[in-house]
C-alpha atoms as a PDB file:
ATOM      1  CA  MET A   1      44.869  64.283 -12.469  1.00  0.00           C
ATOM      2  CA  GLY A   2      48.630  64.911 -12.261  1.00  0.00           C
ATOM      3  CA  ALA A   3      50.618  61.771 -12.927  1.00  0.00           C
ATOM      4  CA  TRP A   4      47.639  59.426 -13.102  1.00  0.00           C
ATOM      5  CA  PRO A   5      46.065  58.846 -16.552  1.00  0.00           C
ATOM      6  CA  ARG A   6      42.343  59.589 -16.475  1.00  0.00           C
ATOM      7  CA  PHE A   7      41.373  56.569 -18.535  1.00  0.00           C
ATOM      8  CA  LEU A   8      42.715  54.252 -15.830  1.00  0.00           C
ATOM      9  CA  LEU A   9      40.531  55.614 -13.039  1.00  0.00           C
ATOM     10  CA  PRO A  10      37.833  52.937 -13.547  1.00  0.00           C
ATOM     11  CA  LEU A  11      40.545  50.322 -12.918  1.00  0.00           C
ATOM     12  CA  PHE A  12      42.271  52.172 -10.087  1.00  0.00           C
ATOM     13  CA  PRO A  13      39.664  54.270  -8.264  1.00  0.00           C
ATOM     14  CA  GLN A  14      42.128  54.793  -5.397  1.00  0.00           C
ATOM     15  CA  ALA A  15      44.192  56.980  -7.733  1.00  0.00           C
ATOM     16  CA  SER A  16      41.822  59.858  -6.985  1.00  0.00           C
ATOM     17  CA  LEU A  17      43.289  59.779  -3.468  1.00  0.00           C
ATOM     18  CA  TRP A  18      46.784  60.521  -4.764  1.00  0.00           C
ATOM     19  CA  GLY A  19      48.550  62.690  -2.252  1.00  0.00           C
ATOM     20  CA  SER A  20      45.491  63.143  -0.047  1.00  0.00           C
ATOM     21  CA  VAL A  21      45.815  62.817   3.713  1.00  0.00           C
ATOM     22  CA  ARG A  22      42.933  62.527   6.122  1.00  0.00           C
ATOM     23  CA  ARG A  23      42.879  65.324   8.673  1.00  0.00           C
ATOM     24  CA  SER A  24      42.254  62.790  11.410  1.00  0.00           C
ATOM     25  CA  ALA A  25      45.666  61.250  10.690  1.00  0.00           C
ATOM     26  CA  TRP A  26      47.447  64.389  11.927  1.00  0.00           C
ATOM     27  CA  PRO A  27      47.944  65.258  15.611  1.00  0.00           C
ATOM     28  CA  MET A  28      45.697  68.029  16.919  1.00  0.00           C
ATOM     29  CA  SER A  29      47.121  71.446  17.650  1.00  0.00           C
ATOM     30  CA  GLY A  30      48.401  72.154  21.136  1.00  0.00           C
ATOM     31  CA  GLY A  31      49.505  68.569  21.622  1.00  0.00           C
ATOM     32  CA  ALA A  32      45.969  67.398  22.303  1.00  0.00           C
ATOM     33  CA  SER A  33      45.030  63.962  21.106  1.00  0.00           C
ATOM     34  CA  PRO A  34      41.716  63.217  19.365  1.00  0.00           C
ATOM     35  CA  ARG A  35      39.218  61.543  21.613  1.00  0.00           C
ATOM     36  CA  ARG A  36      38.617  57.884  20.968  1.00  0.00           C
ATOM     37  CA  PRO A  37      35.179  56.477  21.610  1.00  0.00           C
ATOM     38  CA  ARG A  38      35.113  53.944  24.385  1.00  0.00           C
ATOM     39  CA  SER A  39      33.918  50.554  23.270  1.00  0.00           C
ATOM     40  CA  SER A  40      31.249  48.851  25.283  1.00  0.00           C
ATOM     41  CA  GLY A  41      31.388  45.236  26.395  1.00  0.00           C
ATOM     42  CA  ALA A  42      28.905  44.332  23.669  1.00  0.00           C
ATOM     43  CA  ASP A  43      31.121  45.986  21.043  1.00  0.00           C
ATOM     44  CA  SER A  44      34.112  44.080  22.370  1.00  0.00           C
ATOM     45  CA  ASP A  45      32.258  40.762  22.158  1.00  0.00           C
ATOM     46  CA  ALA A  46      31.115  41.543  18.621  1.00  0.00           C
ATOM     47  CA  LEU A  47      34.696  42.330  17.630  1.00  0.00           C
ATOM     48  CA  LYS A  48      35.910  39.030  19.078  1.00  0.00           C
ATOM     49  CA  ASP A  49      33.191  37.162  17.164  1.00  0.00           C
ATOM     50  CA  ARG A  50      34.176  38.926  13.966  1.00  0.00           C
ATOM     51  CA  ARG A  51      37.840  38.019  14.432  1.00  0.00           C
ATOM     52  CA  ALA A  52      36.901  34.405  15.093  1.00  0.00           C
ATOM     53  CA  GLN A  53      34.878  34.300  11.853  1.00  0.00           C
ATOM     54  CA  ILE A  54      37.812  35.717   9.849  1.00  0.00           C
ATOM     55  CA  MET A  55      40.294  33.270  11.383  1.00  0.00           C
ATOM     56  CA  ALA A  56      37.946  30.370  10.670  1.00  0.00           C
ATOM     57  CA  ARG A  57      38.092  31.126   6.971  1.00  0.00           C
ATOM     58  CA  GLY A  58      41.797  30.321   6.865  1.00  0.00           C
ATOM     59  CA  LEU A  59      43.966  31.457   3.978  1.00  0.00           C
ATOM     60  CA  PRO A  60      42.342  33.018   0.900  1.00  0.00           C
ATOM     61  CA  LYS A  61      41.466  30.572  -1.848  1.00  0.00           C
ATOM     62  CA  GLN A  62      43.942  30.629  -4.704  1.00  0.00           C
ATOM     63  CA  LYS A  63      42.494  31.570  -8.066  1.00  0.00           C
ATOM     64  CA  PRO A  64      44.387  30.930 -11.318  1.00  0.00           C
ATOM     65  CA  ILE A  65      45.175  33.869 -13.589  1.00  0.00           C
ATOM     66  CA  GLU A  66      42.986  33.550 -16.644  1.00  0.00           C
ATOM     67  CA  GLY A  67      44.949  32.251 -19.628  1.00  0.00           C
ATOM     68  CA  VAL A  68      48.153  31.631 -17.648  1.00  0.00           C
ATOM     69  CA  LYS A  69      49.377  28.050 -17.284  1.00  0.00           C
ATOM     70  CA  GLN A  70      52.281  28.539 -14.872  1.00  0.00           C
ATOM     71  CA  VAL A  71      53.526  31.374 -12.684  1.00  0.00           C
ATOM     72  CA  ILE A  72      57.209  31.759 -11.770  1.00  0.00           C
ATOM     73  CA  VAL A  73      58.178  34.373  -9.186  1.00  0.00           C
ATOM     74  CA  VAL A  74      61.671  35.817  -9.102  1.00  0.00           C
ATOM     75  CA  ALA A  75      62.448  37.131  -5.631  1.00  0.00           C
ATOM     76  CA  SER A  76      65.219  38.247  -3.322  1.00  0.00           C
ATOM     77  CA  GLY A  77      65.268  39.287   0.283  1.00  0.00           C
ATOM     78  CA  LYS A  78      67.406  42.336  -0.495  1.00  0.00           C
ATOM     79  CA  GLY A  79      67.342  44.987  -3.202  1.00  0.00           C
ATOM     80  CA  GLY A  80      70.292  45.657  -5.453  1.00  0.00           C
ATOM     81  CA  VAL A  81      71.221  42.040  -6.156  1.00  0.00           C
ATOM     82  CA  GLY A  82      70.151  42.085  -9.819  1.00  0.00           C
ATOM     83  CA  LYS A  83      66.727  40.492  -9.398  1.00  0.00           C
ATOM     84  CA  SER A  84      64.950  42.533 -12.091  1.00  0.00           C
ATOM     85  CA  THR A  85      67.790  41.990 -14.571  1.00  0.00           C
ATOM     86  CA  THR A  86      67.540  38.279 -13.833  1.00  0.00           C
ATOM     87  CA  ALA A  87      63.743  38.250 -14.228  1.00  0.00           C
ATOM     88  CA  VAL A  88      63.923  40.005 -17.609  1.00  0.00           C
ATOM     89  CA  ASN A  89      66.614  37.724 -18.983  1.00  0.00           C
ATOM     90  CA  LEU A  90      64.932  34.629 -17.542  1.00  0.00           C
ATOM     91  CA  ALA A  91      61.692  35.520 -19.348  1.00  0.00           C
ATOM     92  CA  LEU A  92      63.587  36.028 -22.603  1.00  0.00           C
ATOM     93  CA  ALA A  93      65.566  32.815 -22.084  1.00  0.00           C
ATOM     94  CA  LEU A  94      62.377  30.800 -21.528  1.00  0.00           C
ATOM     95  CA  GLY A  95      61.158  31.992 -24.909  1.00  0.00           C
ATOM     96  CA  ALA A  96      64.532  31.508 -26.604  1.00  0.00           C
ATOM     97  CA  ASN A  97      64.808  27.916 -25.370  1.00  0.00           C
ATOM     98  CA  ASP A  98      61.363  27.044 -26.740  1.00  0.00           C
ATOM     99  CA  SER A  99      59.890  29.384 -29.338  1.00  0.00           C
ATOM    100  CA  SER A 100      56.521  27.640 -29.086  1.00  0.00           C
ATOM    101  CA  LYS A 101      56.013  29.005 -25.559  1.00  0.00           C
ATOM    102  CA  ALA A 102      54.219  32.282 -24.861  1.00  0.00           C
ATOM    103  CA  ILE A 103      55.842  34.301 -22.081  1.00  0.00           C
ATOM    104  CA  GLY A 104      54.593  37.170 -19.938  1.00  0.00           C
ATOM    105  CA  LEU A 105      56.433  39.424 -17.491  1.00  0.00           C
ATOM    106  CA  LEU A 106      54.770  41.225 -14.575  1.00  0.00           C
ATOM    107  CA  ASP A 107      56.633  43.943 -12.697  1.00  0.00           C
ATOM    108  CA  ALA A 108      55.259  43.697  -9.147  1.00  0.00           C
ATOM    109  CA  ASP A 109      57.581  46.384  -7.774  1.00  0.00           C
ATOM    110  CA  VAL A 110      55.056  49.219  -7.526  1.00  0.00           C
ATOM    111  CA  TYR A 111      57.445  51.704  -5.905  1.00  0.00           C
ATOM    112  CA  GLY A 112      60.451  51.106  -8.169  1.00  0.00           C
ATOM    113  CA  PRO A 113      59.405  49.556 -11.496  1.00  0.00           C
ATOM    114  CA  SER A 114      62.365  48.611 -13.717  1.00  0.00           C
ATOM    115  CA  ILE A 115      60.760  46.555 -16.471  1.00  0.00           C
ATOM    116  CA  PRO A 116      59.747  49.480 -18.749  1.00  0.00           C
ATOM    117  CA  LYS A 117      63.358  50.649 -19.121  1.00  0.00           C
ATOM    118  CA  MET A 118      64.891  47.195 -19.337  1.00  0.00           C
ATOM    119  CA  MET A 119      62.367  46.061 -21.945  1.00  0.00           C
ATOM    120  CA  ASN A 120      62.511  49.391 -23.840  1.00  0.00           C
ATOM    121  CA  LEU A 121      58.791  50.022 -23.408  1.00  0.00           C
ATOM    122  CA  ARG A 122      56.864  53.191 -22.676  1.00  0.00           C
ATOM    123  CA  GLY A 123      53.315  54.421 -22.982  1.00  0.00           C
ATOM    124  CA  ASN A 124      49.954  53.502 -21.484  1.00  0.00           C
ATOM    125  CA  PRO A 125      48.249  50.142 -22.006  1.00  0.00           C
ATOM    126  CA  GLU A 126      45.178  50.144 -24.193  1.00  0.00           C
ATOM    127  CA  LEU A 127      41.877  48.894 -22.846  1.00  0.00           C
ATOM    128  CA  SER A 128      40.088  45.974 -24.464  1.00  0.00           C
ATOM    129  CA  GLU A 129      36.361  45.865 -25.165  1.00  0.00           C
ATOM    130  CA  SER A 130      35.942  44.022 -21.876  1.00  0.00           C
ATOM    131  CA  ASN A 131      37.738  46.875 -20.050  1.00  0.00           C
ATOM    132  CA  LEU A 132      40.931  44.887 -19.473  1.00  0.00           C
ATOM    133  CA  MET A 133      44.391  46.393 -19.883  1.00  0.00           C
ATOM    134  CA  ARG A 134      46.407  45.009 -22.773  1.00  0.00           C
ATOM    135  CA  PRO A 135      50.066  44.259 -21.942  1.00  0.00           C
ATOM    136  CA  LEU A 136      52.774  46.086 -23.849  1.00  0.00           C
ATOM    137  CA  LEU A 137      54.808  43.782 -26.084  1.00  0.00           C
ATOM    138  CA  ASN A 138      58.507  43.739 -26.949  1.00  0.00           C
ATOM    139  CA  TYR A 139      61.001  41.010 -27.854  1.00  0.00           C
ATOM    140  CA  GLY A 140      58.043  38.608 -27.896  1.00  0.00           C
ATOM    141  CA  ILE A 141      57.287  39.154 -24.172  1.00  0.00           C
ATOM    142  CA  SER A 142      53.943  40.517 -22.904  1.00  0.00           C
ATOM    143  CA  CYS A 143      54.732  43.029 -20.136  1.00  0.00           C
ATOM    144  CA  MET A 144      52.760  44.848 -17.452  1.00  0.00           C
ATOM    145  CA  SER A 145      54.201  47.329 -14.961  1.00  0.00           C
ATOM    146  CA  MET A 146      53.175  50.241 -12.785  1.00  0.00           C
ATOM    147  CA  GLY A 147      55.756  52.123 -14.842  1.00  0.00           C
ATOM    148  CA  PHE A 148      53.287  52.092 -17.752  1.00  0.00           C
ATOM    149  CA  LEU A 149      50.601  53.730 -15.620  1.00  0.00           C
ATOM    150  CA  VAL A 150      52.437  56.686 -14.090  1.00  0.00           C
ATOM    151  CA  GLU A 151      54.937  59.212 -15.378  1.00  0.00           C
ATOM    152  CA  GLU A 152      58.532  57.993 -15.344  1.00  0.00           C
ATOM    153  CA  LYS A 153      59.730  60.343 -12.590  1.00  0.00           C
ATOM    154  CA  ALA A 154      56.517  60.399 -10.555  1.00  0.00           C
ATOM    155  CA  PRO A 155      56.815  58.685  -7.162  1.00  0.00           C
ATOM    156  CA  VAL A 156      54.095  56.275  -6.099  1.00  0.00           C
ATOM    157  CA  VAL A 157      53.268  57.524  -2.601  1.00  0.00           C
ATOM    158  CA  TRP A 158      50.814  54.881  -1.472  1.00  0.00           C
ATOM    159  CA  ARG A 159      50.041  52.908   1.621  1.00  0.00           C
ATOM    160  CA  GLY A 160      49.913  49.125   1.632  1.00  0.00           C
ATOM    161  CA  LEU A 161      46.218  48.667   0.804  1.00  0.00           C
ATOM    162  CA  MET A 162      46.471  50.763  -2.359  1.00  0.00           C
ATOM    163  CA  VAL A 163      49.589  48.881  -3.427  1.00  0.00           C
ATOM    164  CA  MET A 164      47.806  45.580  -2.913  1.00  0.00           C
ATOM    165  CA  SER A 165      44.842  46.789  -4.953  1.00  0.00           C
ATOM    166  CA  ALA A 166      47.178  47.829  -7.771  1.00  0.00           C
ATOM    167  CA  ILE A 167      48.902  44.428  -7.761  1.00  0.00           C
ATOM    168  CA  GLU A 168      45.548  42.650  -7.822  1.00  0.00           C
ATOM    169  CA  LYS A 169      44.421  44.690 -10.816  1.00  0.00           C
ATOM    170  CA  MET A 170      47.681  44.202 -12.711  1.00  0.00           C
ATOM    171  CA  ILE A 171      47.170  40.466 -12.256  1.00  0.00           C
ATOM    172  CA  ARG A 172      43.416  40.091 -12.728  1.00  0.00           C
ATOM    173  CA  GLN A 173      42.426  43.028 -14.936  1.00  0.00           C
ATOM    174  CA  VAL A 174      44.965  42.432 -17.675  1.00  0.00           C
ATOM    175  CA  ASP A 175      44.221  40.603 -20.907  1.00  0.00           C
ATOM    176  CA  TRP A 176      47.208  38.247 -20.754  1.00  0.00           C
ATOM    177  CA  GLY A 177      45.942  36.111 -23.615  1.00  0.00           C
ATOM    178  CA  GLN A 178      47.254  32.544 -23.484  1.00  0.00           C
ATOM    179  CA  LEU A 179      50.591  32.287 -21.661  1.00  0.00           C
ATOM    180  CA  ASP A 180      52.680  29.230 -20.889  1.00  0.00           C
ATOM    181  CA  TYR A 181      54.749  31.107 -18.307  1.00  0.00           C
ATOM    182  CA  LEU A 182      54.169  34.357 -16.433  1.00  0.00           C
ATOM    183  CA  VAL A 183      57.365  35.562 -14.751  1.00  0.00           C
ATOM    184  CA  ILE A 184      56.677  37.905 -11.829  1.00  0.00           C
ATOM    185  CA  ASP A 185      59.474  40.253 -10.797  1.00  0.00           C
ATOM    186  CA  MET A 186      58.795  40.631  -7.073  1.00  0.00           C
ATOM    187  CA  PRO A 187      59.848  43.634  -4.983  1.00  0.00           C
ATOM    188  CA  PRO A 188      62.610  43.155  -2.411  1.00  0.00           C
ATOM    189  CA  GLY A 189      61.743  41.782   1.008  1.00  0.00           C
ATOM    190  CA  THR A 190      59.086  39.505   2.450  1.00  0.00           C
ATOM    191  CA  GLY A 191      56.166  41.890   2.834  1.00  0.00           C
ATOM    192  CA  ASP A 192      52.593  42.392   1.709  1.00  0.00           C
ATOM    193  CA  VAL A 193      53.158  41.883  -2.026  1.00  0.00           C
ATOM    194  CA  GLN A 194      55.012  38.595  -1.621  1.00  0.00           C
ATOM    195  CA  LEU A 195      52.433  37.276   0.817  1.00  0.00           C
ATOM    196  CA  SER A 196      49.441  38.375  -1.242  1.00  0.00           C
ATOM    197  CA  VAL A 197      50.745  36.940  -4.527  1.00  0.00           C
ATOM    198  CA  SER A 198      51.723  33.665  -2.855  1.00  0.00           C
ATOM    199  CA  GLN A 199      48.366  33.226  -1.138  1.00  0.00           C
ATOM    200  CA  ASN A 200      46.081  34.368  -3.946  1.00  0.00           C
ATOM    201  CA  VAL A 201      47.785  32.990  -7.056  1.00  0.00           C
ATOM    202  CA  PRO A 202      48.818  29.349  -7.637  1.00  0.00           C
ATOM    203  CA  VAL A 203      52.570  29.898  -8.015  1.00  0.00           C
ATOM    204  CA  SER A 204      54.365  27.030  -9.748  1.00  0.00           C
ATOM    205  CA  GLY A 205      57.731  27.906  -8.282  1.00  0.00           C
ATOM    206  CA  ALA A 206      59.954  30.606  -6.807  1.00  0.00           C
ATOM    207  CA  VAL A 207      63.492  31.459  -7.868  1.00  0.00           C
ATOM    208  CA  ILE A 208      65.671  33.224  -5.288  1.00  0.00           C
ATOM    209  CA  VAL A 209      68.364  35.614  -6.538  1.00  0.00           C
ATOM    210  CA  SER A 210      71.328  36.591  -4.369  1.00  0.00           C
ATOM    211  CA  THR A 211      74.901  37.720  -4.595  1.00  0.00           C
ATOM    212  CA  PRO A 212      77.486  35.617  -2.722  1.00  0.00           C
ATOM    213  CA  GLN A 213      77.774  38.363  -0.077  1.00  0.00           C
ATOM    214  CA  ASP A 214      76.842  37.362   3.482  1.00  0.00           C
ATOM    215  CA  ILE A 215      74.525  40.368   3.961  1.00  0.00           C
ATOM    216  CA  ALA A 216      72.522  39.483   0.839  1.00  0.00           C
ATOM    217  CA  LEU A 217      72.465  35.788   1.730  1.00  0.00           C
ATOM    218  CA  MET A 218      70.887  36.498   5.124  1.00  0.00           C
ATOM    219  CA  ASP A 219      67.871  38.052   3.426  1.00  0.00           C
ATOM    220  CA  ALA A 220      67.810  35.453   0.664  1.00  0.00           C
ATOM    221  CA  HIS A 221      67.507  32.816   3.390  1.00  0.00           C
ATOM    222  CA  LYS A 222      64.484  34.657   4.819  1.00  0.00           C
ATOM    223  CA  GLY A 223      62.922  34.889   1.353  1.00  0.00           C
ATOM    224  CA  ALA A 224      63.257  31.165   0.754  1.00  0.00           C
ATOM    225  CA  GLU A 225      61.787  30.345   4.166  1.00  0.00           C
ATOM    226  CA  MET A 226      58.844  32.672   3.547  1.00  0.00           C
ATOM    227  CA  PHE A 227      57.895  30.842   0.349  1.00  0.00           C
ATOM    228  CA  ARG A 228      58.152  27.522   2.124  1.00  0.00           C
ATOM    229  CA  LYS A 229      55.817  28.735   4.867  1.00  0.00           C
ATOM    230  CA  VAL A 230      53.150  29.646   2.293  1.00  0.00           C
ATOM    231  CA  HIS A 231      53.699  26.328   0.460  1.00  0.00           C
ATOM    232  CA  VAL A 232      55.304  27.739  -2.685  1.00  0.00           C
ATOM    233  CA  PRO A 233      57.958  25.390  -4.148  1.00  0.00           C
ATOM    234  CA  VAL A 234      61.414  26.995  -4.187  1.00  0.00           C
ATOM    235  CA  LEU A 235      63.018  25.863  -7.422  1.00  0.00           C
ATOM    236  CA  GLY A 236      66.519  26.951  -6.462  1.00  0.00           C
ATOM    237  CA  LEU A 237      68.952  29.833  -6.066  1.00  0.00           C
ATOM    238  CA  ILE A 238      70.705  31.943  -8.667  1.00  0.00           C
ATOM    239  CA  GLN A 239      74.102  33.264  -7.637  1.00  0.00           C
ATOM    240  CA  ASN A 240      74.339  36.663  -9.311  1.00  0.00           C
ATOM    241  CA  MET A 241      77.518  38.750  -9.658  1.00  0.00           C
ATOM    242  CA  SER A 242      79.432  35.599  -8.789  1.00  0.00           C
ATOM    243  CA  VAL A 243      82.807  36.650 -10.179  1.00  0.00           C
ATOM    244  CA  PHE A 244      84.442  39.557 -12.008  1.00  0.00           C
ATOM    245  CA  GLN A 245      86.968  38.887 -14.765  1.00  0.00           C
ATOM    246  CA  CYS A 246      89.313  41.694 -15.717  1.00  0.00           C
ATOM    247  CA  PRO A 247      88.776  42.392 -19.448  1.00  0.00           C
ATOM    248  CA  LYS A 248      92.517  43.008 -19.925  1.00  0.00           C
ATOM    249  CA  CYS A 249      94.428  40.432 -17.898  1.00  0.00           C
ATOM    250  CA  LYS A 250      91.524  37.956 -17.410  1.00  0.00           C
ATOM    251  CA  HIS A 251      92.233  37.691 -13.698  1.00  0.00           C
ATOM    252  CA  GLU A 252      89.134  36.653 -11.749  1.00  0.00           C
ATOM    253  CA  THR A 253      88.110  38.417  -8.534  1.00  0.00           C
ATOM    254  CA  HIS A 254      85.245  37.371  -6.270  1.00  0.00           C
ATOM    255  CA  ILE A 255      84.189  40.880  -5.297  1.00  0.00           C
ATOM    256  CA  PHE A 256      81.207  39.746  -3.218  1.00  0.00           C
ATOM    257  CA  GLY A 257      82.769  36.537  -1.929  1.00  0.00           C
ATOM    258  CA  ALA A 258      82.996  33.049  -3.382  1.00  0.00           C
ATOM    259  CA  ASP A 259      80.276  30.393  -3.463  1.00  0.00           C
ATOM    260  CA  GLY A 260      78.090  31.981  -0.779  1.00  0.00           C
ATOM    261  CA  ALA A 261      74.864  31.000  -2.569  1.00  0.00           C
ATOM    262  CA  LYS A 262      76.111  27.435  -2.929  1.00  0.00           C
ATOM    263  CA  LYS A 263      76.642  27.214   0.826  1.00  0.00           C
ATOM    264  CA  LEU A 264      73.182  28.642   1.486  1.00  0.00           C
ATOM    265  CA  ALA A 265      71.617  26.242  -1.011  1.00  0.00           C
ATOM    266  CA  LYS A 266      73.218  23.325   0.813  1.00  0.00           C
ATOM    267  CA  THR A 267      71.850  24.617   4.124  1.00  0.00           C
ATOM    268  CA  LEU A 268      68.347  24.910   2.653  1.00  0.00           C
ATOM    269  CA  GLY A 269      68.504  21.628   0.762  1.00  0.00           C
ATOM    270  CA  LEU A 270      68.154  23.425  -2.581  1.00  0.00           C
ATOM    271  CA  ASP A 271      70.072  23.514  -5.846  1.00  0.00           C
ATOM    272  CA  VAL A 272      71.981  26.413  -7.354  1.00  0.00           C
ATOM    273  CA  LEU A 273      70.357  26.914 -10.742  1.00  0.00           C
ATOM    274  CA  GLY A 274      73.394  28.727 -12.096  1.00  0.00           C
ATOM    275  CA  ASP A 275      75.939  31.520 -11.711  1.00  0.00           C
ATOM    276  CA  ILE A 276      75.793  34.895 -13.445  1.00  0.00           C
ATOM    277  CA  PRO A 277      79.079  36.842 -13.524  1.00  0.00           C
ATOM    278  CA  LEU A 278      79.493  40.527 -12.769  1.00  0.00           C
ATOM    279  CA  HIS A 279      79.957  41.757 -16.326  1.00  0.00           C
ATOM    280  CA  LEU A 280      79.794  45.151 -17.983  1.00  0.00           C
ATOM    281  CA  ASN A 281      77.767  43.799 -20.913  1.00  0.00           C
ATOM    282  CA  ILE A 282      74.883  42.760 -18.658  1.00  0.00           C
ATOM    283  CA  ARG A 283      74.657  46.235 -17.137  1.00  0.00           C
ATOM    284  CA  GLU A 284      74.993  48.092 -20.436  1.00  0.00           C
ATOM    285  CA  THR A 285      72.425  45.993 -22.304  1.00  0.00           C
ATOM    286  CA  SER A 286      69.927  46.278 -19.421  1.00  0.00           C
ATOM    287  CA  ASP A 287      70.291  50.062 -19.219  1.00  0.00           C
ATOM    288  CA  SER A 288      69.884  50.414 -22.987  1.00  0.00           C
ATOM    289  CA  GLY A 289      66.688  48.372 -23.044  1.00  0.00           C
ATOM    290  CA  GLN A 290      68.244  45.543 -25.050  1.00  0.00           C
ATOM    291  CA  PRO A 291      68.677  42.674 -22.563  1.00  0.00           C
ATOM    292  CA  ILE A 292      71.713  40.502 -23.185  1.00  0.00           C
ATOM    293  CA  VAL A 293      69.723  37.337 -23.983  1.00  0.00           C
ATOM    294  CA  PHE A 294      68.122  39.250 -26.866  1.00  0.00           C
ATOM    295  CA  SER A 295      70.993  41.451 -28.044  1.00  0.00           C
ATOM    296  CA  GLN A 296      73.981  39.131 -27.500  1.00  0.00           C
ATOM    297  CA  PRO A 297      72.539  35.592 -27.521  1.00  0.00           C
ATOM    298  CA  GLN A 298      75.919  33.997 -28.277  1.00  0.00           C
ATOM    299  CA  SER A 299      77.720  35.607 -25.347  1.00  0.00           C
ATOM    300  CA  ASN A 300      78.730  33.520 -22.346  1.00  0.00           C
ATOM    301  CA  GLU A 301      76.499  35.642 -20.125  1.00  0.00           C
ATOM    302  CA  ALA A 302      73.421  35.020 -22.283  1.00  0.00           C
ATOM    303  CA  LYS A 303      74.188  31.306 -22.385  1.00  0.00           C
ATOM    304  CA  ALA A 304      74.271  31.302 -18.575  1.00  0.00           C
ATOM    305  CA  TYR A 305      70.720  32.663 -18.503  1.00  0.00           C
ATOM    306  CA  LEU A 306      69.636  30.086 -21.091  1.00  0.00           C
ATOM    307  CA  ARG A 307      71.014  27.263 -18.939  1.00  0.00           C
ATOM    308  CA  ILE A 308      69.249  28.656 -15.867  1.00  0.00           C
ATOM    309  CA  ALA A 309      65.945  28.848 -17.752  1.00  0.00           C
ATOM    310  CA  ALA A 310      66.324  25.198 -18.750  1.00  0.00           C
ATOM    311  CA  GLU A 311      66.953  24.263 -15.106  1.00  0.00           C
ATOM    312  CA  VAL A 312      63.866  26.213 -14.012  1.00  0.00           C
ATOM    313  CA  VAL A 313      61.622  24.423 -16.521  1.00  0.00           C
ATOM    314  CA  LYS A 314      63.075  21.067 -15.500  1.00  0.00           C
ATOM    315  CA  ARG A 315      62.034  21.686 -11.886  1.00  0.00           C
ATOM    316  CA  LEU A 316      58.543  23.034 -12.530  1.00  0.00           C
ATOM    317  CA  PRO A 317      55.605  20.784 -11.712  1.00  0.00           C
ATOM    318  CA  PRO A 318      53.430  19.750 -14.667  1.00  0.00           C
ATOM    319  CA  PRO A 319      50.987  22.492 -15.679  1.00  0.00           C
ATOM    320  CA  PRO A 320      47.360  21.955 -14.726  1.00  0.00           C
ATOM    321  CA  ALA A 321      45.290  20.163 -17.334  1.00  0.00           C
END
């Protein structure tokens, strides 16, 4: 089966299509195009009726994740702004601020999962008696990621429908137990995954991560507006890589600009939940699988994440009874 574990095929039947391409998807030799059947008037009317029925249904009905009280999505319009690092440390900070809370972390970036490395986890999830995947656990956080289901260097070469099916199964066919908060690390952009999660899962709030750079802020603005359009509360913005302090002379440099996220937050009528500096310790601890909130809890950087987690909880709506 190549990179796909056999025992997961009942959960992901599409995996048997790995790398397969339908012949009809390729152009015919000699430049000829495949003939398309002409649709009759009756077929056209039936298609219109079918579309009308689908539109009449409206948006899909949201269904809670079993055992999960509140869902927090961490998103950004652009990749490379430190969203996954923020999601990992936010999950750890939520647990550090209140040890009575059970925290989960879902890596929804199917094409580029980062959570396994950052959380120092590897291996395949076990299956429960009810055929649900059991999350992998480290630092007190229950984690699920596509990175647990494929080999580390194997690319996931899937079209949108297969990605959506994988996301659905990582949400619904996982034995999450009883969680107070499930933090979802969203992929970059405002595409299928963001829309599907927002419409199918009751999300308590979204956190937007951006650097102060204008290019990143443009996409962060789009991300915030997308969540508003699907009626997901935007809890605020996190300004990541806000400032760099020279370790020798202590001079501060705003490499990506100063206070860009604060200006965007004002435009959107949102709050800045906090600033995270551009610091070597954050990068090193993330790459080593020992996130800074866990490994250096007394550092200024870890304390910044702890303050942000407190602000997030303060802005969440009450959990459902």
